[in-house]
Amino acid sequence: MKNNAGLDKSGLMKKLNAKELKEYVDYVIDTEEQKPLSEMNVDLMDECVDWSLELEGRQITIPEAKIKEITKSIVAKHYKPKRKLINIFTIIAACIALVLSIQFISTTAFHDNLFKDVYNEAQYLIHHFTNNDGHSAF
């Protein structure tokens, strides 16, 4: 009988002894752990852990509160929100919108192109400070 997680328990039990089954199940768990998180088959790992415990004759019961605590710590450790990056993009977008608004108002109300004025001033300063004809800029 093969279940939806992918292990054929009855087939494996016919082919392997208890020690070999334990080694096989541990191998499957180790193989799945080596994969990136997005590719792990968590259901298969869960079934293998349960079967490994069953083979060892152990039964573990974990209180619900402990499971929730462990889950929260795992989520807090591995799944941090990416708000900082979003905040930076929001600030950059707001600055760009502000500059474009000032340009629009300047062009509409005063018929001056702010970008062109800034460009001309920058050209003048660059030319003035890089043109060494024996005179000091200061």
C-alpha atoms as a PDB file:
ATOM      1  CA  MET A   1       0.000   0.000   0.000  1.00  0.00           C
ATOM      2  CA  LYS A   2       1.547   3.267  -1.145  1.00  0.00           C
ATOM      3  CA  ASN A   3       0.249   6.394   0.534  1.00  0.00           C
ATOM      4  CA  ASN A   4       0.205   9.951  -0.830  1.00  0.00           C
ATOM      5  CA  ALA A   5       3.567  10.920   0.731  1.00  0.00           C
ATOM      6  CA  GLY A   6       5.462   8.407  -1.389  1.00  0.00           C
ATOM      7  CA  LEU A   7       6.519   5.487   0.847  1.00  0.00           C
ATOM      8  CA  ASP A   8       5.468   1.932   0.030  1.00  0.00           C
ATOM      9  CA  LYS A   9       5.572   0.606   3.579  1.00  0.00           C
ATOM     10  CA  SER A  10       4.392  -2.928   2.900  1.00  0.00           C
ATOM     11  CA  GLY A  11       6.739  -3.328  -0.069  1.00  0.00           C
ATOM     12  CA  LEU A  12       9.704  -2.041   1.893  1.00  0.00           C
ATOM     13  CA  MET A  13       8.882  -4.209   4.895  1.00  0.00           C
ATOM     14  CA  LYS A  14       8.897  -7.317   2.645  1.00  0.00           C
ATOM     15  CA  LYS A  15      12.281  -6.426   1.111  1.00  0.00           C
ATOM     16  CA  LEU A  16      14.216  -5.082   4.102  1.00  0.00           C
ATOM     17  CA  ASN A  17      14.771  -6.073   7.716  1.00  0.00           C
ATOM     18  CA  ALA A  18      14.190  -3.615  10.585  1.00  0.00           C
ATOM     19  CA  LYS A  19      17.771  -2.339  10.608  1.00  0.00           C
ATOM     20  CA  GLU A  20      17.806  -1.777   6.837  1.00  0.00           C
ATOM     21  CA  LEU A  21      14.407  -0.062   7.027  1.00  0.00           C
ATOM     22  CA  LYS A  22      15.724   2.279   9.727  1.00  0.00           C
ATOM     23  CA  GLU A  23      18.810   3.087   7.618  1.00  0.00           C
ATOM     24  CA  TYR A  24      16.646   3.676   4.531  1.00  0.00           C
ATOM     25  CA  VAL A  25      14.235   5.964   6.398  1.00  0.00           C
ATOM     26  CA  ASP A  26      17.136   7.927   7.905  1.00  0.00           C
ATOM     27  CA  TYR A  27      18.687   8.232   4.437  1.00  0.00           C
ATOM     28  CA  VAL A  28      15.429   9.621   3.011  1.00  0.00           C
ATOM     29  CA  ILE A  29      15.214  12.163   5.856  1.00  0.00           C
ATOM     30  CA  ASP A  30      18.848  13.242   5.358  1.00  0.00           C
ATOM     31  CA  THR A  31      18.347  13.533   1.588  1.00  0.00           C
ATOM     32  CA  GLU A  32      15.279  15.731   2.001  1.00  0.00           C
ATOM     33  CA  GLU A  33      17.068  17.938   4.561  1.00  0.00           C
ATOM     34  CA  GLN A  34      19.838  18.683   2.048  1.00  0.00           C
ATOM     35  CA  LYS A  35      17.365  20.155  -0.451  1.00  0.00           C
ATOM     36  CA  PRO A  36      16.465  23.861  -0.494  1.00  0.00           C
ATOM     37  CA  LEU A  37      13.431  24.661   1.623  1.00  0.00           C
ATOM     38  CA  SER A  38      11.191  25.188  -1.396  1.00  0.00           C
ATOM     39  CA  GLU A  39      12.002  21.702  -2.776  1.00  0.00           C
ATOM     40  CA  MET A  40      11.672  19.706   0.461  1.00  0.00           C
ATOM     41  CA  ASN A  41       8.897  17.145   0.632  1.00  0.00           C
ATOM     42  CA  VAL A  42       7.768  17.884   4.180  1.00  0.00           C
ATOM     43  CA  ASP A  43       5.027  15.239   4.099  1.00  0.00           C
ATOM     44  CA  LEU A  44       7.565  12.562   3.161  1.00  0.00           C
ATOM     45  CA  MET A  45       9.920  13.720   5.916  1.00  0.00           C
ATOM     46  CA  ASP A  46       7.071  13.684   8.433  1.00  0.00           C
ATOM     47  CA  GLU A  47       6.101  10.159   7.441  1.00  0.00           C
ATOM     48  CA  CYS A  48       9.733   8.997   7.617  1.00  0.00           C
ATOM     49  CA  VAL A  49      10.181  10.439  11.093  1.00  0.00           C
ATOM     50  CA  ASP A  50       6.971   8.762  12.258  1.00  0.00           C
ATOM     51  CA  TRP A  51       8.030   5.455  10.733  1.00  0.00           C
ATOM     52  CA  SER A  52      11.532   5.747  12.222  1.00  0.00           C
ATOM     53  CA  LEU A  53      10.035   6.251  15.673  1.00  0.00           C
ATOM     54  CA  GLU A  54       7.689   3.330  15.068  1.00  0.00           C
ATOM     55  CA  LEU A  55      10.612   1.106  14.059  1.00  0.00           C
ATOM     56  CA  GLU A  56      12.437   2.062  17.238  1.00  0.00           C
ATOM     57  CA  GLY A  57       9.332   1.363  19.307  1.00  0.00           C
ATOM     58  CA  ARG A  58       9.162   4.948  20.519  1.00  0.00           C
ATOM     59  CA  GLN A  59       6.145   7.175  20.695  1.00  0.00           C
ATOM     60  CA  ILE A  60       6.489  10.879  21.244  1.00  0.00           C
ATOM     61  CA  THR A  61       3.711  13.179  22.301  1.00  0.00           C
ATOM     62  CA  ILE A  62       4.454  16.873  22.313  1.00  0.00           C
ATOM     63  CA  PRO A  63       2.059  19.288  24.048  1.00  0.00           C
ATOM     64  CA  GLU A  64       0.229  21.646  21.717  1.00  0.00           C
ATOM     65  CA  ALA A  65       1.654  24.715  23.496  1.00  0.00           C
ATOM     66  CA  LYS A  66       5.211  23.478  22.898  1.00  0.00           C
ATOM     67  CA  ILE A  67       4.492  22.905  19.190  1.00  0.00           C
ATOM     68  CA  LYS A  68       3.154  26.450  18.838  1.00  0.00           C
ATOM     69  CA  GLU A  69       6.195  27.866  20.647  1.00  0.00           C
ATOM     70  CA  ILE A  70       8.630  25.968  18.415  1.00  0.00           C
ATOM     71  CA  THR A  71       6.706  26.953  15.286  1.00  0.00           C
ATOM     72  CA  LYS A  72       6.767  30.634  16.239  1.00  0.00           C
ATOM     73  CA  SER A  73      10.517  30.530  16.856  1.00  0.00           C
ATOM     74  CA  ILE A  74      11.144  28.869  13.479  1.00  0.00           C
ATOM     75  CA  VAL A  75       8.977  31.402  11.672  1.00  0.00           C
ATOM     76  CA  ALA A  76      10.640  34.302  13.490  1.00  0.00           C
ATOM     77  CA  LYS A  77      14.090  32.981  12.612  1.00  0.00           C
ATOM     78  CA  HIS A  78      13.580  32.133   8.933  1.00  0.00           C
ATOM     79  CA  TYR A  79      10.723  34.254   7.619  1.00  0.00           C
ATOM     80  CA  LYS A  80      11.529  37.882   8.319  1.00  0.00           C
ATOM     81  CA  PRO A  81       9.357  40.388   6.473  1.00  0.00           C
ATOM     82  CA  LYS A  82      11.037  42.469   3.799  1.00  0.00           C
ATOM     83  CA  ARG A  83       9.563  45.753   5.004  1.00  0.00           C
ATOM     84  CA  LYS A  84      12.891  47.580   5.126  1.00  0.00           C
ATOM     85  CA  LEU A  85      13.389  47.232   1.369  1.00  0.00           C
ATOM     86  CA  ILE A  86       9.794  48.313   0.711  1.00  0.00           C
ATOM     87  CA  ASN A  87      10.265  51.365   2.947  1.00  0.00           C
ATOM     88  CA  ILE A  88      13.396  52.393   1.030  1.00  0.00           C
ATOM     89  CA  PHE A  89      11.551  52.129  -2.284  1.00  0.00           C
ATOM     90  CA  THR A  90       8.657  54.138  -0.855  1.00  0.00           C
ATOM     91  CA  ILE A  91      11.014  56.924   0.248  1.00  0.00           C
ATOM     92  CA  ILE A  92      12.779  56.972  -3.142  1.00  0.00           C
ATOM     93  CA  ALA A  93       9.433  57.073  -4.961  1.00  0.00           C
ATOM     94  CA  ALA A  94       8.236  59.947  -2.755  1.00  0.00           C
ATOM     95  CA  CYS A  95      11.432  61.925  -3.448  1.00  0.00           C
ATOM     96  CA  ILE A  96      11.090  61.387  -7.191  1.00  0.00           C
ATOM     97  CA  ALA A  97       7.437  62.452  -7.055  1.00  0.00           C
ATOM     98  CA  LEU A  98       8.422  65.587  -5.097  1.00  0.00           C
ATOM     99  CA  VAL A  99      11.136  66.561  -7.588  1.00  0.00           C
ATOM    100  CA  LEU A 100       8.832  65.983 -10.551  1.00  0.00           C
ATOM    101  CA  SER A 101       6.093  68.030  -8.856  1.00  0.00           C
ATOM    102  CA  ILE A 102       8.502  70.924  -8.292  1.00  0.00           C
ATOM    103  CA  GLN A 103       9.603  70.686 -11.936  1.00  0.00           C
ATOM    104  CA  PHE A 104       5.983  70.729 -13.112  1.00  0.00           C
ATOM    105  CA  ILE A 105       5.108  73.747 -10.949  1.00  0.00           C
ATOM    106  CA  SER A 106       8.273  75.574 -12.001  1.00  0.00           C
ATOM    107  CA  THR A 107       7.598  74.988 -15.676  1.00  0.00           C
ATOM    108  CA  THR A 108       3.889  75.799 -15.445  1.00  0.00           C
ATOM    109  CA  ALA A 109       3.941  78.828 -13.156  1.00  0.00           C
ATOM    110  CA  PHE A 110       7.297  80.448 -13.902  1.00  0.00           C
ATOM    111  CA  HIS A 111       8.113  79.065 -17.366  1.00  0.00           C
ATOM    112  CA  ASP A 112      11.516  77.936 -16.036  1.00  0.00           C
ATOM    113  CA  ASN A 113      12.887  74.480 -16.560  1.00  0.00           C
ATOM    114  CA  LEU A 114      14.346  73.541 -13.190  1.00  0.00           C
ATOM    115  CA  PHE A 115      16.299  70.592 -14.594  1.00  0.00           C
ATOM    116  CA  LYS A 116      17.865  72.747 -17.287  1.00  0.00           C
ATOM    117  CA  ASP A 117      18.865  75.398 -14.704  1.00  0.00           C
ATOM    118  CA  VAL A 118      20.425  72.784 -12.415  1.00  0.00           C
ATOM    119  CA  TYR A 119      22.265  71.257 -15.365  1.00  0.00           C
ATOM    120  CA  ASN A 120      23.614  74.651 -16.492  1.00  0.00           C
ATOM    121  CA  GLU A 121      24.774  75.528 -12.961  1.00  0.00           C
ATOM    122  CA  ALA A 122      26.498  72.167 -12.611  1.00  0.00           C
ATOM    123  CA  GLN A 123      28.246  72.682 -15.968  1.00  0.00           C
ATOM    124  CA  TYR A 124      29.379  76.144 -14.903  1.00  0.00           C
ATOM    125  CA  LEU A 125      30.759  74.882 -11.574  1.00  0.00           C
ATOM    126  CA  ILE A 126      32.534  71.956 -13.211  1.00  0.00           C
ATOM    127  CA  HIS A 127      34.065  74.210 -15.856  1.00  0.00           C
ATOM    128  CA  HIS A 128      35.031  76.864 -13.299  1.00  0.00           C
ATOM    129  CA  PHE A 129      36.717  74.438 -10.875  1.00  0.00           C
ATOM    130  CA  THR A 130      38.397  72.197 -13.438  1.00  0.00           C
ATOM    131  CA  ASN A 131      39.698  74.933 -15.697  1.00  0.00           C
ATOM    132  CA  ASN A 132      43.124  75.741 -14.185  1.00  0.00           C
ATOM    133  CA  ASP A 133      44.499  78.718 -16.065  1.00  0.00           C
ATOM    134  CA  GLY A 134      46.806  79.752 -13.225  1.00  0.00           C
ATOM    135  CA  HIS A 135      44.072  81.306 -11.090  1.00  0.00           C
ATOM    136  CA  SER A 136      42.896  79.757  -7.899  1.00  0.00           C
ATOM    137  CA  ALA A 137      39.179  79.064  -7.599  1.00  0.00           C
ATOM    138  CA  PHE A 138      39.205  80.232  -4.005  1.00  0.00           C
END
